[in-house]
Amino acid sequence: MSADFTPALVTPQPVPATMKIASEDTDAGFVIINASDFDAATMTEYAAEAAKPAKAK
């Protein structure tokens, strides 16, 4: 092995896209998952506007 060769120890990776899904198991009402793991058949996308209580008139 040549002394001139230095292997790259860390290769930068892009940050995966994330999204919030509704969850009754947390106080916040949602959990964050990788967007690629979202399954519309078993998960509901979290909508912050729908989770806010209606304003009193």
Protein backbone atom coordinates (compact mmCIF):
# COMPACT_ATOMS: atom_id res chain seq x y z
CA MET A 1 0.00 0.00 0.00
CA SER A 2 1.30 3.40 -0.90
CA ALA A 3 1.81 6.02 1.80
CA ASP A 4 0.33 8.61 -0.61
CA PHE A 5 -3.14 7.08 -0.45
CA THR A 6 -5.55 8.44 2.20
CA PRO A 7 -9.01 6.84 2.12
CA ALA A 8 -12.07 8.99 2.69
CA LEU A 9 -13.39 8.11 6.11
CA VAL A 10 -16.64 10.04 5.87
CA THR A 11 -18.64 10.63 2.74
CA PRO A 12 -21.32 13.33 3.12
CA GLN A 13 -24.83 11.99 2.56
CA PRO A 14 -27.97 14.00 1.80
CA VAL A 15 -30.41 14.36 4.68
CA PRO A 16 -33.51 12.24 4.00
CA ALA A 17 -36.83 14.04 3.58
CA THR A 18 -39.02 13.73 6.66
CA MET A 19 -42.69 14.22 7.41
CA LYS A 20 -45.03 14.26 10.39
CA ILE A 21 -47.69 11.59 10.81
CA ALA A 22 -50.53 11.68 13.31
CA SER A 23 -50.02 9.67 16.49
CA GLU A 24 -52.17 9.36 19.59
CA ASP A 25 -49.17 7.89 21.44
CA THR A 26 -47.40 11.25 21.84
CA ASP A 27 -48.28 14.48 23.63
CA ALA A 28 -47.47 16.46 20.48
CA GLY A 29 -49.94 14.40 18.42
CA PHE A 30 -47.41 13.40 15.79
CA VAL A 31 -44.18 11.51 15.12
CA ILE A 32 -41.56 12.28 12.49
CA ILE A 33 -40.65 9.60 9.95
CA ASN A 34 -38.66 9.41 6.72
CA ALA A 35 -40.95 10.40 3.87
CA SER A 36 -39.91 7.26 1.99
CA ASP A 37 -41.37 5.15 4.82
CA PHE A 38 -44.84 6.75 4.60
CA ASP A 39 -47.64 4.24 3.91
CA ALA A 40 -50.93 5.96 3.05
CA ALA A 41 -52.85 2.73 3.74
CA THR A 42 -51.84 2.65 7.41
CA MET A 43 -50.70 6.21 8.25
CA THR A 44 -52.30 9.65 8.35
CA GLU A 45 -50.28 12.74 7.52
CA TYR A 46 -50.30 15.22 10.42
CA ALA A 47 -52.00 18.54 9.65
CA ALA A 48 -51.13 21.22 12.22
CA GLU A 49 -54.13 23.39 11.26
CA ALA A 50 -56.56 20.51 11.84
CA ALA A 51 -55.04 19.77 15.25
CA LYS A 52 -55.47 23.32 16.57
CA PRO A 53 -58.65 23.98 18.58
CA ALA A 54 -61.18 26.28 16.94
CA LYS A 55 -61.07 29.90 18.12
CA ALA A 56 -63.99 31.08 20.25
CA LYS A 57 -66.04 33.92 18.76
